[in-house]
Amino acid sequence: MEQLAKIKLVITDIDGVLTDGSLYYDENGEALKYFNVKDGLGIKMLLACGIQVAVLSGGDTPILRRRIKSLGIPLFQLGKMSKRQACLDLMQQAGVCAEETAFLGDDTLDLPAFEVCGVAVAVGDAFDYIKAQADLVLTRAGGHSAFRELSDMILNAQGKEKVYATADGFLEVVDRMAQ
């Protein structure tokens, strides 16, 4: 998809995209979330290549904040049910336009974001009515390296595939990855 060559910002949902959508509760509230390490590496590779990553979620928990911090993601908006305006705010913060922005989502809450971002991307296990409104549908399910699938596609479209496909390419950027 040639539109991916222009992407300078990837905004991603969390639940159902960076996680498999499962919520684990104990008597104190949310206790666990499942994140895929391959998605984390995809995020770090994009950041190391100068492509900004932002997180946008309707939820806001200590677990989400901890994962965002551990990945070194500087742009995020949590507890935002109005994803249209939140995307516009994140684009402004990143200094990019809609055509330079991809949004990765999985459910109805993400449809307003699809409308304002240049490339709307759905995870492979999104409902058909979400996929129908996406510009690109991934093969991988949320929480199962869907973000990594997209990050590899963006890097490939921008001629940077050696970053993920070769040892030497990876070693060129590894020092720029947030630890």
C-alpha atoms as a PDB file:
ATOM      1  CA  MET A   1       0.000   0.000   0.000  1.00  0.00           C
ATOM      2  CA  GLU A   2       1.767   3.135  -1.228  1.00  0.00           C
ATOM      3  CA  GLN A   3       0.052   5.397   1.351  1.00  0.00           C
ATOM      4  CA  LEU A   4       2.247   3.787   4.019  1.00  0.00           C
ATOM      5  CA  ALA A   5       5.326   5.412   2.475  1.00  0.00           C
ATOM      6  CA  LYS A   6       4.045   8.792   3.748  1.00  0.00           C
ATOM      7  CA  ILE A   7       3.359   7.727   7.344  1.00  0.00           C
ATOM      8  CA  LYS A   8       5.136   9.768  10.022  1.00  0.00           C
ATOM      9  CA  LEU A   9       2.784   8.933  12.930  1.00  0.00           C
ATOM     10  CA  VAL A  10       1.081   5.704  13.934  1.00  0.00           C
ATOM     11  CA  ILE A  11      -1.695   6.053  16.492  1.00  0.00           C
ATOM     12  CA  THR A  12      -2.764   2.783  18.055  1.00  0.00           C
ATOM     13  CA  ASP A  13      -5.576   1.655  20.290  1.00  0.00           C
ATOM     14  CA  ILE A  14      -4.592  -0.664  23.131  1.00  0.00           C
ATOM     15  CA  ASP A  15      -7.328  -3.106  24.149  1.00  0.00           C
ATOM     16  CA  GLY A  16      -7.967  -5.486  21.268  1.00  0.00           C
ATOM     17  CA  VAL A  17      -4.928  -4.182  19.354  1.00  0.00           C
ATOM     18  CA  LEU A  18      -1.848  -4.238  21.595  1.00  0.00           C
ATOM     19  CA  THR A  19      -3.690  -6.744  23.803  1.00  0.00           C
ATOM     20  CA  ASP A  20      -5.955  -9.622  22.853  1.00  0.00           C
ATOM     21  CA  GLY A  21      -8.885  -7.748  24.407  1.00  0.00           C
ATOM     22  CA  SER A  22      -9.034  -9.890  27.539  1.00  0.00           C
ATOM     23  CA  LEU A  23      -9.535  -8.124  30.854  1.00  0.00           C
ATOM     24  CA  TYR A  24      -8.339  -9.869  34.000  1.00  0.00           C
ATOM     25  CA  TYR A  25      -9.826  -8.635  37.270  1.00  0.00           C
ATOM     26  CA  ASP A  26      -9.248  -9.423  40.901  1.00  0.00           C
ATOM     27  CA  GLU A  27     -10.909  -7.888  43.972  1.00  0.00           C
ATOM     28  CA  ASN A  28      -8.770  -4.739  43.539  1.00  0.00           C
ATOM     29  CA  GLY A  29      -9.736  -4.154  39.891  1.00  0.00           C
ATOM     30  CA  GLU A  30      -7.790  -4.839  36.728  1.00  0.00           C
ATOM     31  CA  ALA A  31      -4.857  -7.077  37.585  1.00  0.00           C
ATOM     32  CA  LEU A  32      -3.289  -8.226  34.307  1.00  0.00           C
ATOM     33  CA  LYS A  33      -3.097  -7.503  30.581  1.00  0.00           C
ATOM     34  CA  TYR A  34      -1.449  -9.611  27.906  1.00  0.00           C
ATOM     35  CA  PHE A  35       0.974  -7.692  25.635  1.00  0.00           C
ATOM     36  CA  ASN A  36       2.992  -9.222  22.811  1.00  0.00           C
ATOM     37  CA  VAL A  37       6.732  -8.488  22.896  1.00  0.00           C
ATOM     38  CA  LYS A  38       6.829  -8.478  19.062  1.00  0.00           C
ATOM     39  CA  ASP A  39       4.508  -5.462  19.039  1.00  0.00           C
ATOM     40  CA  GLY A  40       6.828  -3.734  21.499  1.00  0.00           C
ATOM     41  CA  LEU A  41       9.814  -4.301  19.231  1.00  0.00           C
ATOM     42  CA  GLY A  42       7.819  -3.003  16.267  1.00  0.00           C
ATOM     43  CA  ILE A  43       7.065   0.178  18.206  1.00  0.00           C
ATOM     44  CA  LYS A  44      10.716   0.608  19.149  1.00  0.00           C
ATOM     45  CA  MET A  45      11.855   0.057  15.555  1.00  0.00           C
ATOM     46  CA  LEU A  46       9.444   2.701  14.245  1.00  0.00           C
ATOM     47  CA  LEU A  47      10.592   5.184  16.880  1.00  0.00           C
ATOM     48  CA  ALA A  48      14.251   4.437  16.092  1.00  0.00           C
ATOM     49  CA  CYS A  49      13.549   5.146  12.410  1.00  0.00           C
ATOM     50  CA  GLY A  50      11.971   8.527  13.173  1.00  0.00           C
ATOM     51  CA  ILE A  51       8.347   7.434  12.838  1.00  0.00           C
ATOM     52  CA  GLN A  52       6.339   8.654  15.804  1.00  0.00           C
ATOM     53  CA  VAL A  53       4.021   6.341  17.718  1.00  0.00           C
ATOM     54  CA  ALA A  54       1.103   7.447  19.871  1.00  0.00           C
ATOM     55  CA  VAL A  55      -1.284   5.471  22.050  1.00  0.00           C
ATOM     56  CA  LEU A  56      -4.965   6.341  22.262  1.00  0.00           C
ATOM     57  CA  SER A  57      -7.280   4.415  24.542  1.00  0.00           C
ATOM     58  CA  GLY A  58     -10.699   4.746  26.064  1.00  0.00           C
ATOM     59  CA  GLY A  59      -9.205   3.184  29.188  1.00  0.00           C
ATOM     60  CA  ASP A  60      -6.688   4.559  31.654  1.00  0.00           C
ATOM     61  CA  THR A  61      -5.081   2.171  34.116  1.00  0.00           C
ATOM     62  CA  PRO A  62      -1.707   1.898  35.825  1.00  0.00           C
ATOM     63  CA  ILE A  63      -1.001  -1.179  33.680  1.00  0.00           C
ATOM     64  CA  LEU A  64      -1.461   0.827  30.461  1.00  0.00           C
ATOM     65  CA  ARG A  65       0.684   3.662  31.745  1.00  0.00           C
ATOM     66  CA  ARG A  66       3.433   1.227  32.752  1.00  0.00           C
ATOM     67  CA  ARG A  67       3.502  -0.376  29.285  1.00  0.00           C
ATOM     68  CA  ILE A  68       3.579   3.020  27.535  1.00  0.00           C
ATOM     69  CA  LYS A  69       6.473   4.127  29.735  1.00  0.00           C
ATOM     70  CA  SER A  70       8.416   0.896  29.253  1.00  0.00           C
ATOM     71  CA  LEU A  71       8.156   1.272  25.466  1.00  0.00           C
ATOM     72  CA  GLY A  72       9.254   4.910  25.557  1.00  0.00           C
ATOM     73  CA  ILE A  73       6.127   6.204  23.810  1.00  0.00           C
ATOM     74  CA  PRO A  74       6.046   9.974  24.377  1.00  0.00           C
ATOM     75  CA  LEU A  75       2.613  10.697  22.866  1.00  0.00           C
ATOM     76  CA  PHE A  76      -0.512   9.237  24.424  1.00  0.00           C
ATOM     77  CA  GLN A  77      -4.059  10.050  25.410  1.00  0.00           C
ATOM     78  CA  LEU A  78      -5.837   7.751  27.840  1.00  0.00           C
ATOM     79  CA  GLY A  79      -9.433   7.722  29.017  1.00  0.00           C
ATOM     80  CA  LYS A  80     -10.558   9.293  25.727  1.00  0.00           C
ATOM     81  CA  MET A  81     -13.889   8.099  24.415  1.00  0.00           C
ATOM     82  CA  SER A  82     -13.926  10.816  21.735  1.00  0.00           C
ATOM     83  CA  LYS A  83     -11.165   9.428  19.547  1.00  0.00           C
ATOM     84  CA  ARG A  84     -11.808  11.835  16.664  1.00  0.00           C
ATOM     85  CA  GLN A  85     -10.685  14.883  18.638  1.00  0.00           C
ATOM     86  CA  ALA A  86      -7.958  12.941  20.432  1.00  0.00           C
ATOM     87  CA  CYS A  87      -6.440  11.944  17.064  1.00  0.00           C
ATOM     88  CA  LEU A  88      -6.533  15.539  15.872  1.00  0.00           C
ATOM     89  CA  ASP A  89      -4.800  16.602  19.099  1.00  0.00           C
ATOM     90  CA  LEU A  90      -2.125  13.900  18.735  1.00  0.00           C
ATOM     91  CA  MET A  91      -1.482  14.875  15.104  1.00  0.00           C
ATOM     92  CA  GLN A  92      -1.037  18.485  16.177  1.00  0.00           C
ATOM     93  CA  GLN A  93       1.358  17.466  18.969  1.00  0.00           C
ATOM     94  CA  ALA A  94       3.343  15.341  16.500  1.00  0.00           C
ATOM     95  CA  GLY A  95       3.400  18.080  13.858  1.00  0.00           C
ATOM     96  CA  VAL A  96       1.894  15.905  11.127  1.00  0.00           C
ATOM     97  CA  CYS A  97      -1.160  16.029   8.884  1.00  0.00           C
ATOM     98  CA  ALA A  98      -3.863  13.396   8.425  1.00  0.00           C
ATOM     99  CA  GLU A  99      -2.230  11.944   5.289  1.00  0.00           C
ATOM    100  CA  GLU A 100       0.903  11.255   7.341  1.00  0.00           C
ATOM    101  CA  THR A 101      -1.046   9.431  10.063  1.00  0.00           C
ATOM    102  CA  ALA A 102      -2.178   5.816  10.356  1.00  0.00           C
ATOM    103  CA  PHE A 103      -4.620   4.658  13.012  1.00  0.00           C
ATOM    104  CA  LEU A 104      -4.752   1.021  14.134  1.00  0.00           C
ATOM    105  CA  GLY A 105      -7.996  -0.075  15.757  1.00  0.00           C
ATOM    106  CA  ASP A 106     -10.350  -2.964  16.285  1.00  0.00           C
ATOM    107  CA  ASP A 107     -13.852  -1.858  17.297  1.00  0.00           C
ATOM    108  CA  THR A 108     -16.671   0.665  16.999  1.00  0.00           C
ATOM    109  CA  LEU A 109     -14.987   3.098  19.388  1.00  0.00           C
ATOM    110  CA  ASP A 110     -12.227   3.477  16.766  1.00  0.00           C
ATOM    111  CA  LEU A 111     -14.435   4.426  13.809  1.00  0.00           C
ATOM    112  CA  PRO A 112     -14.275   8.204  14.484  1.00  0.00           C
ATOM    113  CA  ALA A 113     -10.462   7.900  14.440  1.00  0.00           C
ATOM    114  CA  PHE A 114     -10.644   6.038  11.115  1.00  0.00           C
ATOM    115  CA  GLU A 115     -12.438   9.075   9.653  1.00  0.00           C
ATOM    116  CA  VAL A 116      -9.750  11.641  10.528  1.00  0.00           C
ATOM    117  CA  CYS A 117      -6.550   9.686   9.888  1.00  0.00           C
ATOM    118  CA  GLY A 118      -5.066   9.189   6.435  1.00  0.00           C
ATOM    119  CA  VAL A 119      -4.819   5.402   6.718  1.00  0.00           C
ATOM    120  CA  ALA A 120      -7.339   3.439   8.783  1.00  0.00           C
ATOM    121  CA  VAL A 121      -6.052  -0.014   9.731  1.00  0.00           C
ATOM    122  CA  ALA A 122      -8.039  -2.836  11.342  1.00  0.00           C
ATOM    123  CA  VAL A 123      -6.607  -5.875  13.133  1.00  0.00           C
ATOM    124  CA  GLY A 124      -7.384  -9.243  11.575  1.00  0.00           C
ATOM    125  CA  ASP A 125      -9.976 -10.238  14.169  1.00  0.00           C
ATOM    126  CA  ALA A 126     -11.990  -7.005  14.000  1.00  0.00           C
ATOM    127  CA  PHE A 127     -15.681  -7.365  13.222  1.00  0.00           C
ATOM    128  CA  ASP A 128     -16.564  -7.291   9.514  1.00  0.00           C
ATOM    129  CA  TYR A 129     -18.258  -3.904   9.806  1.00  0.00           C
ATOM    130  CA  ILE A 130     -15.017  -2.441  11.190  1.00  0.00           C
ATOM    131  CA  LYS A 131     -12.945  -4.077   8.460  1.00  0.00           C
ATOM    132  CA  ALA A 132     -15.336  -2.637   5.865  1.00  0.00           C
ATOM    133  CA  GLN A 133     -14.429   0.887   6.968  1.00  0.00           C
ATOM    134  CA  ALA A 134     -10.666   0.276   7.070  1.00  0.00           C
ATOM    135  CA  ASP A 135      -8.245   1.115   4.279  1.00  0.00           C
ATOM    136  CA  LEU A 136      -6.099  -1.844   5.292  1.00  0.00           C
ATOM    137  CA  VAL A 137      -6.962  -5.041   7.162  1.00  0.00           C
ATOM    138  CA  LEU A 138      -4.132  -6.944   8.797  1.00  0.00           C
ATOM    139  CA  THR A 139      -3.904 -10.728   8.893  1.00  0.00           C
ATOM    140  CA  ARG A 140      -2.896 -10.896  12.558  1.00  0.00           C
ATOM    141  CA  ALA A 141      -5.280 -10.588  15.479  1.00  0.00           C
ATOM    142  CA  GLY A 142      -5.025  -7.981  18.208  1.00  0.00           C
ATOM    143  CA  GLY A 143      -2.500  -8.969  20.867  1.00  0.00           C
ATOM    144  CA  HIS A 144      -0.876 -11.404  18.446  1.00  0.00           C
ATOM    145  CA  SER A 145       1.654  -9.078  16.786  1.00  0.00           C
ATOM    146  CA  ALA A 146      -0.829  -7.109  14.670  1.00  0.00           C
ATOM    147  CA  PHE A 147       1.040  -3.891  15.434  1.00  0.00           C
ATOM    148  CA  ARG A 148       4.288  -5.562  14.370  1.00  0.00           C
ATOM    149  CA  GLU A 149       2.671  -6.591  11.084  1.00  0.00           C
ATOM    150  CA  LEU A 150       1.784  -2.947  10.451  1.00  0.00           C
ATOM    151  CA  SER A 151       5.178  -1.611  11.555  1.00  0.00           C
ATOM    152  CA  ASP A 152       6.954  -4.016   9.191  1.00  0.00           C
ATOM    153  CA  MET A 153       4.648  -2.904   6.354  1.00  0.00           C
ATOM    154  CA  ILE A 154       5.402   0.777   7.036  1.00  0.00           C
ATOM    155  CA  LEU A 155       9.156   0.212   7.244  1.00  0.00           C
ATOM    156  CA  ASN A 156       9.020  -1.822   4.027  1.00  0.00           C
ATOM    157  CA  ALA A 157       7.017   0.879   2.220  1.00  0.00           C
ATOM    158  CA  GLN A 158       9.618   3.437   3.302  1.00  0.00           C
ATOM    159  CA  GLY A 159      12.582   1.347   2.118  1.00  0.00           C
ATOM    160  CA  LYS A 160      13.693   0.519   5.655  1.00  0.00           C
ATOM    161  CA  GLU A 161      12.929  -3.213   5.652  1.00  0.00           C
ATOM    162  CA  LYS A 162      16.525  -4.102   6.553  1.00  0.00           C
ATOM    163  CA  VAL A 163      15.782  -2.799  10.067  1.00  0.00           C
ATOM    164  CA  TYR A 164      13.572  -5.824  10.752  1.00  0.00           C
ATOM    165  CA  ALA A 165      14.755  -8.269   8.084  1.00  0.00           C
ATOM    166  CA  THR A 166      18.545  -8.320   8.561  1.00  0.00           C
ATOM    167  CA  ALA A 167      20.930  -8.518  11.488  1.00  0.00           C
ATOM    168  CA  ASP A 168      23.049  -5.624  10.209  1.00  0.00           C
ATOM    169  CA  GLY A 169      19.988  -3.437   9.628  1.00  0.00           C
ATOM    170  CA  PHE A 170      18.731  -4.117  13.129  1.00  0.00           C
ATOM    171  CA  LEU A 171      22.147  -3.407  14.634  1.00  0.00           C
ATOM    172  CA  GLU A 172      22.186  -0.012  12.887  1.00  0.00           C
ATOM    173  CA  VAL A 173      19.153   1.155  14.918  1.00  0.00           C
ATOM    174  CA  VAL A 174      19.389  -0.856  18.127  1.00  0.00           C
ATOM    175  CA  ASP A 175      21.241   1.925  19.951  1.00  0.00           C
ATOM    176  CA  ARG A 176      18.420   4.367  19.128  1.00  0.00           C
ATOM    177  CA  MET A 177      15.757   2.162  20.674  1.00  0.00           C
ATOM    178  CA  ALA A 178      14.347   3.293  24.017  1.00  0.00           C
ATOM    179  CA  GLN A 179      15.258   0.836  26.735  1.00  0.00           C
END
